[in-house]
PDB file of all heavy atoms in Angstrom:
ATOM      1  N   LYS A   1       0.843  -1.190   0.000  1.00  0.00           N
ATOM      2  CA  LYS A   1       0.000   0.000   0.000  1.00  0.00           C
ATOM      3  C   LYS A   1       0.882   1.245   0.000  1.00  0.00           C
ATOM      4  O   LYS A   1       1.909   1.288   0.678  1.00  0.00           O
ATOM      5  CB  LYS A   1      -0.921   0.009   1.222  1.00  0.00           C
ATOM      6  CG  LYS A   1      -1.898   1.181   1.245  1.00  0.00           C
ATOM      7  CD  LYS A   1      -2.824   1.114   2.448  1.00  0.00           C
ATOM      8  CE  LYS A   1      -3.784   2.296   2.475  1.00  0.00           C
ATOM      9  NZ  LYS A   1      -4.675   2.260   3.665  1.00  0.00           N
ATOM     10  N   CYS A   2       0.448   2.271  -0.772  1.00  0.00           N
ATOM     11  CA  CYS A   2       1.170   3.534  -0.801  1.00  0.00           C
ATOM     12  C   CYS A   2       0.620   4.457   0.278  1.00  0.00           C
ATOM     13  O   CYS A   2      -0.602   4.657   0.372  1.00  0.00           O
ATOM     14  CB  CYS A   2       1.040   4.201  -2.174  1.00  0.00           C
ATOM     15  SG  CYS A   2       1.909   5.788  -2.296  1.00  0.00           S
ATOM     16  N   HIS A   3       1.503   5.026   1.062  1.00  0.00           N
ATOM     17  CA  HIS A   3       1.103   5.923   2.148  1.00  0.00           C
ATOM     18  C   HIS A   3       1.526   7.365   1.895  1.00  0.00           C
ATOM     19  O   HIS A   3       1.562   8.173   2.823  1.00  0.00           O
ATOM     20  CB  HIS A   3       1.679   5.429   3.464  1.00  0.00           C
ATOM     21  CG  HIS A   3       1.147   4.100   3.899  1.00  0.00           C
ATOM     22  ND1 HIS A   3      -0.080   3.937   4.517  1.00  0.00           N
ATOM     23  CD2 HIS A   3       1.667   2.840   3.759  1.00  0.00           C
ATOM     24  CE1 HIS A   3      -0.293   2.660   4.774  1.00  0.00           C
ATOM     25  NE2 HIS A   3       0.748   1.965   4.316  1.00  0.00           N
ATOM     26  N   GLY A   4       1.847   7.682   0.650  1.00  0.00           N
ATOM     27  CA  GLY A   4       2.169   9.061   0.310  1.00  0.00           C
ATOM     28  C   GLY A   4       3.616   9.422   0.603  1.00  0.00           C
ATOM     29  O   GLY A   4       4.448   8.577   0.934  1.00  0.00           O
ATOM     30  N   LEU A   5       3.908  10.721   0.474  1.00  0.00           N
ATOM     31  CA  LEU A   5       5.282  11.196   0.598  1.00  0.00           C
ATOM     32  C   LEU A   5       5.785  11.139   2.034  1.00  0.00           C
ATOM     33  O   LEU A   5       5.087  11.544   2.967  1.00  0.00           O
ATOM     34  CB  LEU A   5       5.384  12.640   0.103  1.00  0.00           C
ATOM     35  CG  LEU A   5       5.477  12.876  -1.401  1.00  0.00           C
ATOM     36  CD1 LEU A   5       5.675  14.351  -1.662  1.00  0.00           C
ATOM     37  CD2 LEU A   5       6.583  12.069  -2.031  1.00  0.00           C
ATOM     38  N   HIS A   6       7.011  10.665   2.174  1.00  0.00           N
ATOM     39  CA  HIS A   6       7.702  10.682   3.451  1.00  0.00           C
ATOM     40  C   HIS A   6       9.170  11.001   3.199  1.00  0.00           C
ATOM     41  O   HIS A   6       9.663  10.876   2.069  1.00  0.00           O
ATOM     42  CB  HIS A   6       7.548   9.348   4.186  1.00  0.00           C
ATOM     43  CG  HIS A   6       6.166   9.122   4.701  1.00  0.00           C
ATOM     44  ND1 HIS A   6       5.107   8.810   3.867  1.00  0.00           N
ATOM     45  CD2 HIS A   6       5.652   9.192   5.955  1.00  0.00           C
ATOM     46  CE1 HIS A   6       4.004   8.686   4.600  1.00  0.00           C
ATOM     47  NE2 HIS A   6       4.308   8.917   5.868  1.00  0.00           N
ATOM     48  N   ALA A   7       9.865  11.406   4.251  1.00  0.00           N
ATOM     49  CA  ALA A   7      11.258  11.833   4.122  1.00  0.00           C
ATOM     50  C   ALA A   7      12.201  10.747   4.622  1.00  0.00           C
ATOM     51  O   ALA A   7      11.944  10.099   5.646  1.00  0.00           O
ATOM     52  CB  ALA A   7      11.476  13.130   4.902  1.00  0.00           C
ATOM     53  N   PHE A   8      13.305  10.569   3.890  1.00  0.00           N
ATOM     54  CA  PHE A   8      14.290   9.540   4.211  1.00  0.00           C
ATOM     55  C   PHE A   8      15.694  10.150   4.168  1.00  0.00           C
ATOM     56  O   PHE A   8      15.996  10.975   3.303  1.00  0.00           O
ATOM     57  CB  PHE A   8      14.212   8.391   3.208  1.00  0.00           C
ATOM     58  CG  PHE A   8      12.869   7.718   3.159  1.00  0.00           C
ATOM     59  CD1 PHE A   8      11.849   8.243   2.368  1.00  0.00           C
ATOM     60  CD2 PHE A   8      12.605   6.597   3.912  1.00  0.00           C
ATOM     61  CE1 PHE A   8      10.592   7.637   2.317  1.00  0.00           C
ATOM     62  CE2 PHE A   8      11.350   5.988   3.876  1.00  0.00           C
ATOM     63  CZ  PHE A   8      10.341   6.513   3.083  1.00  0.00           C
ATOM     64  N   ILE A   9      16.550   9.722   5.105  1.00  0.00           N
ATOM     65  CA  ILE A   9      17.946  10.160   5.117  1.00  0.00           C
ATOM     66  C   ILE A   9      18.737   9.168   4.259  1.00  0.00           C
ATOM     67  O   ILE A   9      18.830   7.983   4.596  1.00  0.00           O
ATOM     68  CB  ILE A   9      18.507  10.196   6.545  1.00  0.00           C
ATOM     69  CG1 ILE A   9      17.626  11.072   7.443  1.00  0.00           C
ATOM     70  CG2 ILE A   9      19.938  10.718   6.544  1.00  0.00           C
ATOM     71  CD1 ILE A   9      18.009  11.028   8.905  1.00  0.00           C
ATOM     72  N   VAL A  10      19.288   9.663   3.167  1.00  0.00           N
ATOM     73  CA  VAL A  10      19.901   8.774   2.174  1.00  0.00           C
ATOM     74  C   VAL A  10      21.371   9.142   1.975  1.00  0.00           C
ATOM     75  O   VAL A  10      21.675  10.275   1.578  1.00  0.00           O
ATOM     76  CB  VAL A  10      19.157   8.870   0.828  1.00  0.00           C
ATOM     77  CG1 VAL A  10      19.780   7.933  -0.205  1.00  0.00           C
ATOM     78  CG2 VAL A  10      17.670   8.558   1.009  1.00  0.00           C
ATOM     79  N   PRO A  11      22.299   8.197   2.220  1.00  0.00           N
ATOM     80  CA  PRO A  11      23.705   8.448   1.875  1.00  0.00           C
ATOM     81  C   PRO A  11      23.876   8.390   0.353  1.00  0.00           C
ATOM     82  O   PRO A  11      23.255   7.570  -0.319  1.00  0.00           O
ATOM     83  CB  PRO A  11      24.455   7.307   2.556  1.00  0.00           C
ATOM     84  CG  PRO A  11      23.439   6.209   2.664  1.00  0.00           C
ATOM     85  CD  PRO A  11      22.102   6.877   2.831  1.00  0.00           C
ATOM     86  N   LEU A  12      24.702   9.284  -0.181  1.00  0.00           N
ATOM     87  CA  LEU A  12      24.866   9.385  -1.629  1.00  0.00           C
ATOM     88  C   LEU A  12      26.276   9.044  -2.089  1.00  0.00           C
ATOM     89  O   LEU A  12      26.449   8.425  -3.145  1.00  0.00           O
ATOM     90  CB  LEU A  12      24.541  10.818  -2.088  1.00  0.00           C
ATOM     91  CG  LEU A  12      23.184  11.385  -1.692  1.00  0.00           C
ATOM     92  CD1 LEU A  12      23.094  12.849  -2.110  1.00  0.00           C
ATOM     93  CD2 LEU A  12      22.056  10.575  -2.320  1.00  0.00           C
ATOM     94  N   ARG A  13      27.250   9.489  -1.320  1.00  0.00           N
ATOM     95  CA  ARG A  13      28.642   9.318  -1.719  1.00  0.00           C
ATOM     96  C   ARG A  13      29.430   8.686  -0.575  1.00  0.00           C
ATOM     97  O   ARG A  13      29.112   8.901   0.611  1.00  0.00           O
ATOM     98  CB  ARG A  13      29.259  10.671  -2.110  1.00  0.00           C
ATOM     99  CG  ARG A  13      28.653  11.274  -3.381  1.00  0.00           C
ATOM    100  CD  ARG A  13      29.317  12.612  -3.702  1.00  0.00           C
ATOM    101  NE  ARG A  13      29.015  13.104  -5.047  1.00  0.00           N
ATOM    102  CZ  ARG A  13      28.108  14.051  -5.324  1.00  0.00           C
ATOM    103  NH1 ARG A  13      27.409  14.590  -4.338  1.00  0.00           N
ATOM    104  NH2 ARG A  13      27.905  14.434  -6.570  1.00  0.00           N
ATOM    105  N   GLN A  14      30.461   7.939  -0.945  1.00  0.00           N
ATOM    106  CA  GLN A  14      31.292   7.270   0.044  1.00  0.00           C
ATOM    107  C   GLN A  14      32.072   8.296   0.857  1.00  0.00           C
ATOM    108  O   GLN A  14      32.749   9.173   0.301  1.00  0.00           O
ATOM    109  CB  GLN A  14      32.274   6.342  -0.666  1.00  0.00           C
ATOM    110  CG  GLN A  14      33.122   5.500   0.261  1.00  0.00           C
ATOM    111  CD  GLN A  14      32.302   4.462   1.014  1.00  0.00           C
ATOM    112  OE1 GLN A  14      31.475   3.768   0.427  1.00  0.00           O
ATOM    113  NE2 GLN A  14      32.510   4.362   2.316  1.00  0.00           N
ATOM    114  N   LEU A  15      31.952   8.218   2.183  1.00  0.00           N
ATOM    115  CA  LEU A  15      32.739   9.102   3.025  1.00  0.00           C
ATOM    116  C   LEU A  15      34.222   8.775   2.844  1.00  0.00           C
ATOM    117  O   LEU A  15      34.623   7.617   2.834  1.00  0.00           O
ATOM    118  CB  LEU A  15      32.338   8.943   4.499  1.00  0.00           C
ATOM    119  CG  LEU A  15      30.891   9.297   4.857  1.00  0.00           C
ATOM    120  CD1 LEU A  15      30.657   9.134   6.354  1.00  0.00           C
ATOM    121  CD2 LEU A  15      30.547  10.702   4.422  1.00  0.00           C
ATOM    122  N   GLY A  16      35.018   9.787   2.679  1.00  0.00           N
ATOM    123  CA  GLY A  16      36.438   9.583   2.459  1.00  0.00           C
ATOM    124  C   GLY A  16      36.826   9.763   1.011  1.00  0.00           C
ATOM    125  O   GLY A  16      37.665  10.597   0.677  1.00  0.00           O
ATOM    126  N   THR A  17      36.176   8.997   0.116  1.00  0.00           N
ATOM    127  CA  THR A  17      36.504   9.108  -1.316  1.00  0.00           C
ATOM    128  C   THR A  17      35.549  10.031  -2.059  1.00  0.00           C
ATOM    129  O   THR A  17      35.878  10.526  -3.127  1.00  0.00           O
ATOM    130  CB  THR A  17      36.474   7.730  -1.985  1.00  0.00           C
ATOM    131  OG1 THR A  17      35.112   7.235  -2.000  1.00  0.00           O
ATOM    132  CG2 THR A  17      37.372   6.747  -1.243  1.00  0.00           C
ATOM    133  N   HIS A  18      34.351  10.215  -1.528  1.00  0.00           N
ATOM    134  CA  HIS A  18      33.305  11.044  -2.150  1.00  0.00           C
ATOM    135  C   HIS A  18      32.805  10.442  -3.467  1.00  0.00           C
ATOM    136  O   HIS A  18      32.151  11.120  -4.268  1.00  0.00           O
ATOM    137  CB  HIS A  18      33.800  12.476  -2.382  1.00  0.00           C
ATOM    138  CG  HIS A  18      32.699  13.515  -2.339  1.00  0.00           C
ATOM    139  ND1 HIS A  18      31.915  13.720  -1.229  1.00  0.00           N
ATOM    140  CD2 HIS A  18      32.261  14.399  -3.273  1.00  0.00           C
ATOM    141  CE1 HIS A  18      31.053  14.686  -1.461  1.00  0.00           C
ATOM    142  NE2 HIS A  18      31.231  15.109  -2.709  1.00  0.00           N
ATOM    143  N   GLU A  19      33.091   9.165  -3.693  1.00  0.00           N
ATOM    144  CA  GLU A  19      32.598   8.494  -4.898  1.00  0.00           C
ATOM    145  C   GLU A  19      31.123   8.136  -4.707  1.00  0.00           C
ATOM    146  O   GLU A  19      30.698   7.760  -3.606  1.00  0.00           O
ATOM    147  CB  GLU A  19      33.403   7.227  -5.171  1.00  0.00           C
ATOM    148  CG  GLU A  19      34.844   7.471  -5.589  1.00  0.00           C
ATOM    149  CD  GLU A  19      34.926   8.171  -6.927  1.00  0.00           C
ATOM    150  OE1 GLU A  19      34.137   7.835  -7.826  1.00  0.00           O
ATOM    151  OE2 GLU A  19      35.779   9.074  -7.071  1.00  0.00           O
ATOM    152  N   PRO A  20      30.290   8.214  -5.786  1.00  0.00           N
ATOM    153  CA  PRO A  20      28.885   7.811  -5.663  1.00  0.00           C
ATOM    154  C   PRO A  20      28.768   6.358  -5.221  1.00  0.00           C
ATOM    155  O   PRO A  20      29.539   5.490  -5.670  1.00  0.00           O
ATOM    156  CB  PRO A  20      28.339   8.003  -7.081  1.00  0.00           C
ATOM    157  CG  PRO A  20      29.248   9.008  -7.710  1.00  0.00           C
ATOM    158  CD  PRO A  20      30.603   8.749  -7.130  1.00  0.00           C
ATOM    159  N   LEU A  21      27.841   6.088  -4.331  1.00  0.00           N
ATOM    160  CA  LEU A  21      27.611   4.730  -3.858  1.00  0.00           C
ATOM    161  C   LEU A  21      26.964   3.885  -4.953  1.00  0.00           C
ATOM    162  O   LEU A  21      26.278   4.425  -5.843  1.00  0.00           O
ATOM    163  CB  LEU A  21      26.728   4.762  -2.613  1.00  0.00           C
ATOM    164  CG  LEU A  21      27.347   5.434  -1.379  1.00  0.00           C
ATOM    165  CD1 LEU A  21      26.298   5.664  -0.298  1.00  0.00           C
ATOM    166  CD2 LEU A  21      28.494   4.591  -0.833  1.00  0.00           C
ATOM    167  N   PRO A  22      27.137   2.566  -4.924  1.00  0.00           N
ATOM    168  CA  PRO A  22      26.493   1.699  -5.920  1.00  0.00           C
ATOM    169  C   PRO A  22      24.972   1.885  -5.898  1.00  0.00           C
ATOM    170  O   PRO A  22      24.355   1.893  -4.828  1.00  0.00           O
ATOM    171  CB  PRO A  22      26.888   0.290  -5.467  1.00  0.00           C
ATOM    172  CG  PRO A  22      28.150   0.491  -4.691  1.00  0.00           C
ATOM    173  CD  PRO A  22      28.002   1.811  -4.003  1.00  0.00           C
ATOM    174  N   GLY A  23      24.385   2.068  -7.065  1.00  0.00           N
ATOM    175  CA  GLY A  23      22.954   2.320  -7.164  1.00  0.00           C
ATOM    176  C   GLY A  23      22.595   3.790  -7.211  1.00  0.00           C
ATOM    177  O   GLY A  23      21.429   4.140  -7.389  1.00  0.00           O
ATOM    178  N   ILE A  24      23.589   4.637  -7.050  1.00  0.00           N
ATOM    179  CA  ILE A  24      23.390   6.092  -7.065  1.00  0.00           C
ATOM    180  C   ILE A  24      24.022   6.681  -8.327  1.00  0.00           C
ATOM    181  O   ILE A  24      25.209   6.492  -8.583  1.00  0.00           O
ATOM    182  CB  ILE A  24      24.010   6.760  -5.825  1.00  0.00           C
ATOM    183  CG1 ILE A  24      23.322   6.297  -4.542  1.00  0.00           C
ATOM    184  CG2 ILE A  24      23.955   8.284  -5.946  1.00  0.00           C
ATOM    185  CD1 ILE A  24      21.896   6.762  -4.381  1.00  0.00           C
ATOM    186  N   THR A  25      23.214   7.384  -9.104  1.00  0.00           N
ATOM    187  CA  THR A  25      23.710   8.157 -10.250  1.00  0.00           C
ATOM    188  C   THR A  25      23.473   9.618  -9.924  1.00  0.00           C
ATOM    189  O   THR A  25      22.343  10.028  -9.655  1.00  0.00           O
ATOM    190  CB  THR A  25      22.971   7.783 -11.545  1.00  0.00           C
ATOM    191  OG1 THR A  25      23.111   6.374 -11.771  1.00  0.00           O
ATOM    192  CG2 THR A  25      23.534   8.545 -12.737  1.00  0.00           C
ATOM    193  N   ILE A  26      24.537  10.399  -9.943  1.00  0.00           N
ATOM    194  CA  ILE A  26      24.444  11.757  -9.398  1.00  0.00           C
ATOM    195  C   ILE A  26      25.342  12.689 -10.191  1.00  0.00           C
ATOM    196  O   ILE A  26      26.368  12.281 -10.736  1.00  0.00           O
ATOM    197  CB  ILE A  26      24.845  11.735  -7.899  1.00  0.00           C
ATOM    198  CG1 ILE A  26      24.461  13.019  -7.175  1.00  0.00           C
ATOM    199  CG2 ILE A  26      26.322  11.424  -7.729  1.00  0.00           C
ATOM    200  CD1 ILE A  26      24.594  12.909  -5.661  1.00  0.00           C
TER     201      ILE A  26
END
């Protein structure tokens, strides 16, 4: 079931290297 918009804290880049994480296109 869809419960509408909610907010999520999402890591995007590897800490240290700043490379995009697998599954992330940025």
